[in-house]
Amino acid sequence: MNLKEIEYIVKIAEEKGLTRAAEKLFITPSALNQQLVRLEKEIGTQLFYRSRSGWTPTEAGEVYLSAAEEMIRIKSRPQNT
């Protein structure tokens, strides 16, 4: 798992769906779905409830998103040198 993959999952949650998230990330929905499915297999649980009216995070997805957003905030902080 890398920061880009983390950002992909956060974008899916923000856009409440795969297609809009893929458009914002400038990748195909298929590629984004493959990333999500691979991650869900890797961690052993589903991160989103999928429906026509929109995707919502599962309980595990909420935990993942909370940690992901914190990692993104940490990464964006200026480095002390």
PDB file of N, CA and C in Angstrom:
ATOM      1  N   MET A   1       0.844  -1.171   0.000  1.00  0.00           N
ATOM      2  CA  MET A   1       0.000   0.000   0.000  1.00  0.00           C
ATOM      3  C   MET A   1       0.893   1.240   0.000  1.00  0.00           C
ATOM      4  N   ASN A   2       0.570   2.175  -0.890  1.00  0.00           N
ATOM      5  CA  ASN A   2       1.327   3.415  -0.943  1.00  0.00           C
ATOM      6  C   ASN A   2       0.382   4.611  -0.829  1.00  0.00           C
ATOM      7  N   LEU A   3       0.931   5.796  -0.756  1.00  0.00           N
ATOM      8  CA  LEU A   3       0.125   6.993  -0.548  1.00  0.00           C
ATOM      9  C   LEU A   3      -0.876   7.208  -1.677  1.00  0.00           C
ATOM     10  N   LYS A   4      -0.487   6.901  -2.890  1.00  0.00           N
ATOM     11  CA  LYS A   4      -1.395   7.068  -4.031  1.00  0.00           C
ATOM     12  C   LYS A   4      -2.622   6.179  -3.860  1.00  0.00           C
ATOM     13  N   GLU A   5      -2.425   4.935  -3.447  1.00  0.00           N
ATOM     14  CA  GLU A   5      -3.555   4.033  -3.218  1.00  0.00           C
ATOM     15  C   GLU A   5      -4.464   4.571  -2.118  1.00  0.00           C
ATOM     16  N   ILE A   6      -3.867   5.119  -1.088  1.00  0.00           N
ATOM     17  CA  ILE A   6      -4.632   5.705   0.016  1.00  0.00           C
ATOM     18  C   ILE A   6      -5.468   6.874  -0.506  1.00  0.00           C
ATOM     19  N   GLU A   7      -4.863   7.724  -1.311  1.00  0.00           N
ATOM     20  CA  GLU A   7      -5.582   8.862  -1.879  1.00  0.00           C
ATOM     21  C   GLU A   7      -6.736   8.406  -2.768  1.00  0.00           C
ATOM     22  N   TYR A   8      -6.568   7.291  -3.487  1.00  0.00           N
ATOM     23  CA  TYR A   8      -7.639   6.746  -4.321  1.00  0.00           C
ATOM     24  C   TYR A   8      -8.861   6.392  -3.470  1.00  0.00           C
ATOM     25  N   ILE A   9      -8.646   5.732  -2.355  1.00  0.00           N
ATOM     26  CA  ILE A   9      -9.753   5.307  -1.504  1.00  0.00           C
ATOM     27  C   ILE A   9     -10.447   6.527  -0.898  1.00  0.00           C
ATOM     28  N   VAL A  10      -9.684   7.507  -0.480  1.00  0.00           N
ATOM     29  CA  VAL A  10     -10.260   8.734   0.066  1.00  0.00           C
ATOM     30  C   VAL A  10     -11.116   9.423  -0.997  1.00  0.00           C
ATOM     31  N   LYS A  11     -10.649   9.456  -2.231  1.00  0.00           N
ATOM     32  CA  LYS A  11     -11.395  10.107  -3.311  1.00  0.00           C
ATOM     33  C   LYS A  11     -12.703   9.365  -3.598  1.00  0.00           C
ATOM     34  N   ILE A  12     -12.692   8.040  -3.538  1.00  0.00           N
ATOM     35  CA  ILE A  12     -13.934   7.272  -3.729  1.00  0.00           C
ATOM     36  C   ILE A  12     -14.944   7.679  -2.658  1.00  0.00           C
ATOM     37  N   ALA A  13     -14.496   7.803  -1.428  1.00  0.00           N
ATOM     38  CA  ALA A  13     -15.384   8.198  -0.338  1.00  0.00           C
ATOM     39  C   ALA A  13     -15.900   9.625  -0.543  1.00  0.00           C
ATOM     40  N   GLU A  14     -15.024  10.534  -0.935  1.00  0.00           N
ATOM     41  CA  GLU A  14     -15.422  11.928  -1.146  1.00  0.00           C
ATOM     42  C   GLU A  14     -16.466  12.048  -2.248  1.00  0.00           C
ATOM     43  N   GLU A  15     -16.273  11.305  -3.324  1.00  0.00           N
ATOM     44  CA  GLU A  15     -17.166  11.384  -4.484  1.00  0.00           C
ATOM     45  C   GLU A  15     -18.367  10.442  -4.371  1.00  0.00           C
ATOM     46  N   LYS A  16     -18.364   9.588  -3.355  1.00  0.00           N
ATOM     47  CA  LYS A  16     -19.449   8.633  -3.112  1.00  0.00           C
ATOM     48  C   LYS A  16     -19.695   7.698  -4.296  1.00  0.00           C
ATOM     49  N   GLY A  17     -18.603   7.392  -4.987  1.00  0.00           N
ATOM     50  CA  GLY A  17     -18.715   6.474  -6.106  1.00  0.00           C
ATOM     51  C   GLY A  17     -17.425   6.355  -6.879  1.00  0.00           C
ATOM     52  N   LEU A  18     -17.355   5.307  -7.632  1.00  0.00           N
ATOM     53  CA  LEU A  18     -16.138   4.974  -8.368  1.00  0.00           C
ATOM     54  C   LEU A  18     -15.961   5.820  -9.626  1.00  0.00           C
ATOM     55  N   THR A  19     -17.032   6.017 -10.392  1.00  0.00           N
ATOM     56  CA  THR A  19     -16.911   6.700 -11.680  1.00  0.00           C
ATOM     57  C   THR A  19     -16.454   8.145 -11.512  1.00  0.00           C
ATOM     58  N   ARG A  20     -17.115   8.884 -10.630  1.00  0.00           N
ATOM     59  CA  ARG A  20     -16.715  10.291 -10.414  1.00  0.00           C
ATOM     60  C   ARG A  20     -15.315  10.381  -9.826  1.00  0.00           C
ATOM     61  N   ALA A  21     -14.991   9.461  -8.926  1.00  0.00           N
ATOM     62  CA  ALA A  21     -13.644   9.462  -8.341  1.00  0.00           C
ATOM     63  C   ALA A  21     -12.600   9.223  -9.426  1.00  0.00           C
ATOM     64  N   ALA A  22     -12.855   8.271 -10.301  1.00  0.00           N
ATOM     65  CA  ALA A  22     -11.912   7.976 -11.388  1.00  0.00           C
ATOM     66  C   ALA A  22     -11.724   9.190 -12.290  1.00  0.00           C
ATOM     67  N   GLU A  23     -12.813   9.883 -12.589  1.00  0.00           N
ATOM     68  CA  GLU A  23     -12.710  11.086 -13.421  1.00  0.00           C
ATOM     69  C   GLU A  23     -11.814  12.128 -12.746  1.00  0.00           C
ATOM     70  N   LYS A  24     -12.003  12.343 -11.460  1.00  0.00           N
ATOM     71  CA  LYS A  24     -11.202  13.333 -10.730  1.00  0.00           C
ATOM     72  C   LYS A  24      -9.732  12.927 -10.630  1.00  0.00           C
ATOM     73  N   LEU A  25      -9.487  11.614 -10.614  1.00  0.00           N
ATOM     74  CA  LEU A  25      -8.116  11.105 -10.501  1.00  0.00           C
ATOM     75  C   LEU A  25      -7.440  10.910 -11.864  1.00  0.00           C
ATOM     76  N   PHE A  26      -8.213  11.138 -12.934  1.00  0.00           N
ATOM     77  CA  PHE A  26      -7.708  10.983 -14.296  1.00  0.00           C
ATOM     78  C   PHE A  26      -7.234   9.556 -14.588  1.00  0.00           C
ATOM     79  N   ILE A  27      -8.017   8.586 -14.086  1.00  0.00           N
ATOM     80  CA  ILE A  27      -7.767   7.182 -14.406  1.00  0.00           C
ATOM     81  C   ILE A  27      -9.097   6.557 -14.811  1.00  0.00           C
ATOM     82  N   THR A  28      -9.057   5.363 -15.356  1.00  0.00           N
ATOM     83  CA  THR A  28     -10.296   4.711 -15.760  1.00  0.00           C
ATOM     84  C   THR A  28     -11.000   4.117 -14.539  1.00  0.00           C
ATOM     85  N   PRO A  29     -12.318   4.032 -14.586  1.00  0.00           N
ATOM     86  CA  PRO A  29     -13.035   3.377 -13.494  1.00  0.00           C
ATOM     87  C   PRO A  29     -12.563   1.944 -13.276  1.00  0.00           C
ATOM     88  N   SER A  30     -12.232   1.256 -14.352  1.00  0.00           N
ATOM     89  CA  SER A  30     -11.752  -0.123 -14.245  1.00  0.00           C
ATOM     90  C   SER A  30     -10.451  -0.191 -13.448  1.00  0.00           C
ATOM     91  N   ALA A  31      -9.527   0.714 -13.739  1.00  0.00           N
ATOM     92  CA  ALA A  31      -8.244   0.722 -13.017  1.00  0.00           C
ATOM     93  C   ALA A  31      -8.458   1.040 -11.542  1.00  0.00           C
ATOM     94  N   LEU A  32      -9.349   1.981 -11.260  1.00  0.00           N
ATOM     95  CA  LEU A  32      -9.620   2.336  -9.876  1.00  0.00           C
ATOM     96  C   LEU A  32     -10.293   1.172  -9.144  1.00  0.00           C
ATOM     97  N   ASN A  33     -11.220   0.516  -9.818  1.00  0.00           N
ATOM     98  CA  ASN A  33     -11.888  -0.638  -9.215  1.00  0.00           C
ATOM     99  C   ASN A  33     -10.884  -1.750  -8.919  1.00  0.00           C
ATOM    100  N   GLN A  34      -9.959  -1.985  -9.820  1.00  0.00           N
ATOM    101  CA  GLN A  34      -8.933  -3.005  -9.596  1.00  0.00           C
ATOM    102  C   GLN A  34      -8.101  -2.682  -8.359  1.00  0.00           C
ATOM    103  N   GLN A  35      -7.749  -1.413  -8.183  1.00  0.00           N
ATOM    104  CA  GLN A  35      -6.990  -0.998  -7.002  1.00  0.00           C
ATOM    105  C   GLN A  35      -7.792  -1.269  -5.732  1.00  0.00           C
ATOM    106  N   LEU A  36      -9.078  -0.915  -5.754  1.00  0.00           N
ATOM    107  CA  LEU A  36      -9.935  -1.111  -4.595  1.00  0.00           C
ATOM    108  C   LEU A  36     -10.099  -2.589  -4.270  1.00  0.00           C
ATOM    109  N   VAL A  37     -10.380  -3.393  -5.268  1.00  0.00           N
ATOM    110  CA  VAL A  37     -10.571  -4.832  -5.049  1.00  0.00           C
ATOM    111  C   VAL A  37      -9.295  -5.461  -4.509  1.00  0.00           C
ATOM    112  N   ARG A  38      -8.151  -5.068  -5.051  1.00  0.00           N
ATOM    113  CA  ARG A  38      -6.872  -5.605  -4.575  1.00  0.00           C
ATOM    114  C   ARG A  38      -6.644  -5.237  -3.112  1.00  0.00           C
ATOM    115  N   LEU A  39      -6.924  -3.989  -2.759  1.00  0.00           N
ATOM    116  CA  LEU A  39      -6.759  -3.552  -1.373  1.00  0.00           C
ATOM    117  C   LEU A  39      -7.714  -4.307  -0.448  1.00  0.00           C
ATOM    118  N   GLU A  40      -8.963  -4.454  -0.863  1.00  0.00           N
ATOM    119  CA  GLU A  40      -9.928  -5.177  -0.026  1.00  0.00           C
ATOM    120  C   GLU A  40      -9.496  -6.625   0.184  1.00  0.00           C
ATOM    121  N   LYS A  41      -8.947  -7.245  -0.847  1.00  0.00           N
ATOM    122  CA  LYS A  41      -8.419  -8.611  -0.689  1.00  0.00           C
ATOM    123  C   LYS A  41      -7.244  -8.622   0.274  1.00  0.00           C
ATOM    124  N   GLU A  42      -6.370  -7.625   0.137  1.00  0.00           N
ATOM    125  CA  GLU A  42      -5.171  -7.535   0.967  1.00  0.00           C
ATOM    126  C   GLU A  42      -5.527  -7.393   2.446  1.00  0.00           C
ATOM    127  N   ILE A  43      -6.512  -6.563   2.750  1.00  0.00           N
ATOM    128  CA  ILE A  43      -6.866  -6.351   4.155  1.00  0.00           C
ATOM    129  C   ILE A  43      -7.973  -7.288   4.632  1.00  0.00           C
ATOM    130  N   GLY A  44      -8.597  -7.997   3.703  1.00  0.00           N
ATOM    131  CA  GLY A  44      -9.560  -9.027   4.083  1.00  0.00           C
ATOM    132  C   GLY A  44     -10.952  -8.543   4.442  1.00  0.00           C
ATOM    133  N   THR A  45     -11.326  -7.352   3.973  1.00  0.00           N
ATOM    134  CA  THR A  45     -12.668  -6.857   4.254  1.00  0.00           C
ATOM    135  C   THR A  45     -13.093  -5.827   3.218  1.00  0.00           C
ATOM    136  N   GLN A  46     -14.390  -5.667   3.081  1.00  0.00           N
ATOM    137  CA  GLN A  46     -14.958  -4.695   2.152  1.00  0.00           C
ATOM    138  C   GLN A  46     -14.909  -3.312   2.787  1.00  0.00           C
ATOM    139  N   LEU A  47     -14.551  -2.299   2.003  1.00  0.00           N
ATOM    140  CA  LEU A  47     -14.437  -0.934   2.512  1.00  0.00           C
ATOM    141  C   LEU A  47     -15.660  -0.073   2.218  1.00  0.00           C
ATOM    142  N   PHE A  48     -16.456  -0.464   1.208  1.00  0.00           N
ATOM    143  CA  PHE A  48     -17.628   0.332   0.831  1.00  0.00           C
ATOM    144  C   PHE A  48     -18.841  -0.560   0.602  1.00  0.00           C
ATOM    145  N   TYR A  49     -20.004  -0.030   0.993  1.00  0.00           N
ATOM    146  CA  TYR A  49     -21.277  -0.597   0.552  1.00  0.00           C
ATOM    147  C   TYR A  49     -21.544   0.037  -0.802  1.00  0.00           C
ATOM    148  N   ARG A  50     -21.775  -0.787  -1.800  1.00  0.00           N
ATOM    149  CA  ARG A  50     -21.957  -0.289  -3.156  1.00  0.00           C
ATOM    150  C   ARG A  50     -23.445  -0.319  -3.512  1.00  0.00           C
ATOM    151  N   SER A  51     -23.959   0.806  -3.983  1.00  0.00           N
ATOM    152  CA  SER A  51     -25.346   0.848  -4.451  1.00  0.00           C
ATOM    153  C   SER A  51     -25.454   1.860  -5.579  1.00  0.00           C
ATOM    154  N   ARG A  52     -26.549   1.815  -6.284  1.00  0.00           N
ATOM    155  CA  ARG A  52     -26.762   2.751  -7.393  1.00  0.00           C
ATOM    156  C   ARG A  52     -26.870   4.188  -6.893  1.00  0.00           C
ATOM    157  N   SER A  53     -27.350   4.350  -5.681  1.00  0.00           N
ATOM    158  CA  SER A  53     -27.535   5.705  -5.149  1.00  0.00           C
ATOM    159  C   SER A  53     -26.254   6.291  -4.557  1.00  0.00           C
ATOM    160  N   GLY A  54     -25.201   5.499  -4.467  1.00  0.00           N
ATOM    161  CA  GLY A  54     -23.922   6.005  -3.967  1.00  0.00           C
ATOM    162  C   GLY A  54     -23.224   4.991  -3.085  1.00  0.00           C
ATOM    163  N   TRP A  55     -21.942   5.155  -2.965  1.00  0.00           N
ATOM    164  CA  TRP A  55     -21.129   4.255  -2.149  1.00  0.00           C
ATOM    165  C   TRP A  55     -20.936   4.884  -0.784  1.00  0.00           C
ATOM    166  N   THR A  56     -21.093   4.070   0.254  1.00  0.00           N
ATOM    167  CA  THR A  56     -20.852   4.551   1.613  1.00  0.00           C
ATOM    168  C   THR A  56     -19.858   3.618   2.288  1.00  0.00           C
ATOM    169  N   PRO A  57     -19.002   4.162   3.119  1.00  0.00           N
ATOM    170  CA  PRO A  57     -18.008   3.318   3.789  1.00  0.00           C
ATOM    171  C   PRO A  57     -18.662   2.337   4.758  1.00  0.00           C
ATOM    172  N   THR A  58     -18.120   1.147   4.797  1.00  0.00           N
ATOM    173  CA  THR A  58     -18.499   0.177   5.814  1.00  0.00           C
ATOM    174  C   THR A  58     -17.868   0.631   7.124  1.00  0.00           C
ATOM    175  N   GLU A  59     -18.116  -0.094   8.194  1.00  0.00           N
ATOM    176  CA  GLU A  59     -17.470   0.249   9.460  1.00  0.00           C
ATOM    177  C   GLU A  59     -15.948   0.167   9.312  1.00  0.00           C
ATOM    178  N   ALA A  60     -15.482  -0.885   8.648  1.00  0.00           N
ATOM    179  CA  ALA A  60     -14.044  -1.024   8.400  1.00  0.00           C
ATOM    180  C   ALA A  60     -13.553   0.112   7.501  1.00  0.00           C
ATOM    181  N   GLY A  61     -14.388   0.515   6.541  1.00  0.00           N
ATOM    182  CA  GLY A  61     -14.042   1.616   5.659  1.00  0.00           C
ATOM    183  C   GLY A  61     -13.882   2.926   6.411  1.00  0.00           C
ATOM    184  N   GLU A  62     -14.743   3.151   7.400  1.00  0.00           N
ATOM    185  CA  GLU A  62     -14.633   4.365   8.218  1.00  0.00           C
ATOM    186  C   GLU A  62     -13.306   4.390   8.971  1.00  0.00           C
ATOM    187  N   VAL A  63     -12.924   3.250   9.518  1.00  0.00           N
ATOM    188  CA  VAL A  63     -11.648   3.158  10.239  1.00  0.00           C
ATOM    189  C   VAL A  63     -10.494   3.407   9.272  1.00  0.00           C
ATOM    190  N   TYR A  64     -10.543   2.770   8.108  1.00  0.00           N
ATOM    191  CA  TYR A  64      -9.490   2.939   7.096  1.00  0.00           C
ATOM    192  C   TYR A  64      -9.395   4.405   6.675  1.00  0.00           C
ATOM    193  N   LEU A  65     -10.544   5.035   6.404  1.00  0.00           N
ATOM    194  CA  LEU A  65     -10.545   6.421   5.941  1.00  0.00           C
ATOM    195  C   LEU A  65      -9.995   7.377   6.991  1.00  0.00           C
ATOM    196  N   SER A  66     -10.322   7.139   8.225  1.00  0.00           N
ATOM    197  CA  SER A  66      -9.802   7.981   9.304  1.00  0.00           C
ATOM    198  C   SER A  66      -8.276   7.920   9.341  1.00  0.00           C
ATOM    199  N   ALA A  67      -7.746   6.713   9.272  1.00  0.00           N
ATOM    200  CA  ALA A  67      -6.290   6.541   9.273  1.00  0.00           C
ATOM    201  C   ALA A  67      -5.675   7.105   7.990  1.00  0.00           C
ATOM    202  N   ALA A  68      -6.341   6.895   6.866  1.00  0.00           N
ATOM    203  CA  ALA A  68      -5.831   7.378   5.585  1.00  0.00           C
ATOM    204  C   ALA A  68      -5.738   8.900   5.562  1.00  0.00           C
ATOM    205  N   GLU A  69      -6.776   9.560   6.045  1.00  0.00           N
ATOM    206  CA  GLU A  69      -6.766  11.016   6.067  1.00  0.00           C
ATOM    207  C   GLU A  69      -5.659  11.551   6.978  1.00  0.00           C
ATOM    208  N   GLU A  70      -5.412  10.868   8.071  1.00  0.00           N
ATOM    209  CA  GLU A  70      -4.322  11.276   8.965  1.00  0.00           C
ATOM    210  C   GLU A  70      -2.965  11.091   8.276  1.00  0.00           C
ATOM    211  N   MET A  71      -2.786   9.994   7.555  1.00  0.00           N
ATOM    212  CA  MET A  71      -1.524   9.765   6.835  1.00  0.00           C
ATOM    213  C   MET A  71      -1.299  10.844   5.779  1.00  0.00           C
ATOM    214  N   ILE A  72      -2.360  11.238   5.089  1.00  0.00           N
ATOM    215  CA  ILE A  72      -2.244  12.286   4.077  1.00  0.00           C
ATOM    216  C   ILE A  72      -1.874  13.613   4.737  1.00  0.00           C
ATOM    217  N   ARG A  73      -2.479  13.910   5.889  1.00  0.00           N
ATOM    218  CA  ARG A  73      -2.130  15.149   6.609  1.00  0.00           C
ATOM    219  C   ARG A  73      -0.660  15.129   7.048  1.00  0.00           C
ATOM    220  N   ILE A  74      -0.213  14.005   7.562  1.00  0.00           N
ATOM    221  CA  ILE A  74       1.184  13.887   8.005  1.00  0.00           C
ATOM    222  C   ILE A  74       2.121  14.081   6.819  1.00  0.00           C
ATOM    223  N   LYS A  75       1.811  13.457   5.713  1.00  0.00           N
ATOM    224  CA  LYS A  75       2.658  13.558   4.515  1.00  0.00           C
ATOM    225  C   LYS A  75       2.727  14.989   3.988  1.00  0.00           C
ATOM    226  N   SER A  76       1.634  15.738   4.140  1.00  0.00           N
ATOM    227  CA  SER A  76       1.608  17.096   3.589  1.00  0.00           C
ATOM    228  C   SER A  76       2.274  18.130   4.485  1.00  0.00           C
ATOM    229  N   ARG A  77       2.635  17.749   5.713  1.00  0.00           N
ATOM    230  CA  ARG A  77       3.328  18.683   6.603  1.00  0.00           C
ATOM    231  C   ARG A  77       4.728  18.969   6.071  1.00  0.00           C
ATOM    232  N   PRO A  78       5.191  20.194   6.283  1.00  0.00           N
ATOM    233  CA  PRO A  78       6.570  20.515   5.875  1.00  0.00           C
ATOM    234  C   PRO A  78       7.564  19.683   6.677  1.00  0.00           C
ATOM    235  N   GLN A  79       8.621  19.279   6.023  1.00  0.00           N
ATOM    236  CA  GLN A  79       9.671  18.494   6.671  1.00  0.00           C
ATOM    237  C   GLN A  79      10.584  19.416   7.463  1.00  0.00           C
ATOM    238  N   ASN A  80      10.956  19.010   8.675  1.00  0.00           N
ATOM    239  CA  ASN A  80      11.946  19.750   9.448  1.00  0.00           C
ATOM    240  C   ASN A  80      13.339  19.262   9.070  1.00  0.00           C
ATOM    241  N   THR A  81      14.175  20.173   8.651  1.00  0.00           N
ATOM    242  CA  THR A  81      15.546  19.773   8.280  1.00  0.00           C
ATOM    243  C   THR A  81      16.565  20.518   9.068  1.00  0.00           C
TER     244      THR A  81
END
